[in-house]
Amino acid sequence: MLKDEAIDVFENWPYHVPVYEEMKGEFEALVQALKTAKSGEEALSVYQKMADLSDQIQDDVTHVQVLFSLETQNPTYQKGMDSLNRDLPLF
């Protein structure tokens, strides 16, 4: 969910499990953009994108965790939690 979108009810959020390689790639690209920023304004813009991406990932993680806690026998939610348990420490 992007920052500027209206917040929908929890049950209507799209189910998305963050993928480590995707998160890593997005953050690496932003870190590189931060390192090559030519002005304070440009650096601030990149930093805000990093914060937005971090918020989006945390929203997805929380959604997976809550759904799993409500329905621990659901194989989709179990697979999502397994992925988070494996990949988040790497991130």
Protein backbone atom coordinates (compact mmCIF):
# COMPACT_ATOMS: atom_id res chain seq x y z
CA MET A 1 0.00 0.00 0.00
CA LEU A 2 1.48 3.34 -0.98
CA LYS A 3 1.55 6.26 1.40
CA ASP A 4 -0.83 8.42 -0.64
CA GLU A 5 -3.50 5.74 -1.05
CA ALA A 6 -6.56 5.79 1.18
CA ILE A 7 -6.30 3.22 3.94
CA ASP A 8 -8.79 0.45 3.31
CA VAL A 9 -10.20 -1.92 5.91
CA PHE A 10 -7.69 -4.57 6.95
CA GLU A 11 -9.60 -7.46 5.39
CA ASN A 12 -9.42 -5.81 1.96
CA TRP A 13 -5.64 -5.34 1.91
CA PRO A 14 -3.96 -7.34 -0.84
CA TYR A 15 -2.03 -10.30 0.55
CA HIS A 16 1.63 -9.75 -0.26
CA VAL A 17 4.62 -11.49 1.29
CA PRO A 18 7.77 -9.39 0.90
CA VAL A 19 10.45 -11.18 -1.12
CA TYR A 20 13.97 -10.75 0.26
CA GLU A 21 15.77 -10.44 -3.09
CA GLU A 22 13.29 -7.80 -4.26
CA MET A 23 13.57 -5.80 -1.02
CA LYS A 24 17.35 -6.00 -1.12
CA GLY A 25 17.49 -4.85 -4.74
CA GLU A 26 15.17 -1.92 -4.15
CA PHE A 27 17.09 -0.74 -1.10
CA GLU A 28 20.46 -1.16 -2.82
CA ALA A 29 19.26 1.00 -5.70
CA LEU A 30 18.06 3.66 -3.28
CA VAL A 31 21.32 3.58 -1.31
CA GLN A 32 23.23 4.08 -4.56
CA ALA A 33 20.94 6.98 -5.49
CA LEU A 34 21.55 8.48 -2.04
CA LYS A 35 25.31 8.17 -2.48
CA THR A 36 25.20 9.93 -5.85
CA ALA A 37 22.68 12.62 -4.90
CA LYS A 38 23.90 15.99 -6.17
CA SER A 39 22.04 18.13 -3.64
CA GLY A 40 20.48 18.04 -0.23
CA GLU A 41 17.04 18.17 -1.79
CA GLU A 42 17.80 15.17 -3.99
CA ALA A 43 19.18 13.24 -1.02
CA LEU A 44 16.10 14.08 1.03
CA SER A 45 13.85 12.86 -1.78
CA VAL A 46 15.71 9.55 -1.93
CA TYR A 47 15.61 9.22 1.85
CA GLN A 48 11.83 9.76 1.79
CA LYS A 49 11.53 7.00 -0.83
CA MET A 50 13.54 4.71 1.46
CA ALA A 51 11.22 5.53 4.37
CA ASP A 52 8.13 4.90 2.21
CA LEU A 53 9.52 1.55 1.05
CA SER A 54 10.33 0.57 4.62
CA ASP A 55 6.77 1.49 5.69
CA GLN A 56 5.31 -0.55 2.82
CA ILE A 57 7.39 -3.60 3.74
CA GLN A 58 6.43 -3.30 7.40
CA ASP A 59 2.74 -3.04 6.47
CA ASP A 60 3.03 -6.23 4.39
CA VAL A 61 4.89 -8.04 7.19
CA THR A 62 2.29 -7.02 9.78
CA HIS A 63 -0.54 -8.12 7.49
CA VAL A 64 1.01 -11.57 7.01
CA GLN A 65 1.66 -11.92 10.75
CA VAL A 66 -1.86 -10.95 11.76
CA LEU A 67 -3.54 -13.18 9.18
CA PHE A 68 -1.36 -16.11 10.25
CA SER A 69 -2.12 -15.50 13.93
CA LEU A 70 -5.85 -15.61 13.15
CA GLU A 71 -5.67 -18.72 10.97
CA THR A 72 -2.55 -20.76 11.78
CA GLN A 73 -3.70 -23.82 9.83
CA ASN A 74 -4.07 -21.90 6.56
CA PRO A 75 -1.30 -23.20 4.25
CA THR A 76 -0.97 -19.88 2.42
CA TYR A 77 -0.42 -17.96 5.66
CA GLN A 78 1.91 -20.68 6.97
CA LYS A 79 4.02 -20.42 3.82
CA GLY A 80 4.08 -16.62 4.18
CA MET A 81 5.23 -16.84 7.79
CA ASP A 82 7.87 -19.41 6.88
CA SER A 83 9.18 -17.00 4.26
CA LEU A 84 9.26 -14.10 6.72
CA ASN A 85 10.96 -16.20 9.40
CA ARG A 86 13.63 -17.26 6.90
CA ASP A 87 14.24 -13.98 5.08
CA LEU A 88 13.63 -11.07 7.47
CA PRO A 89 16.74 -11.74 9.59
CA LEU A 90 18.79 -11.45 6.38
CA PHE A 91 17.29 -8.08 5.64
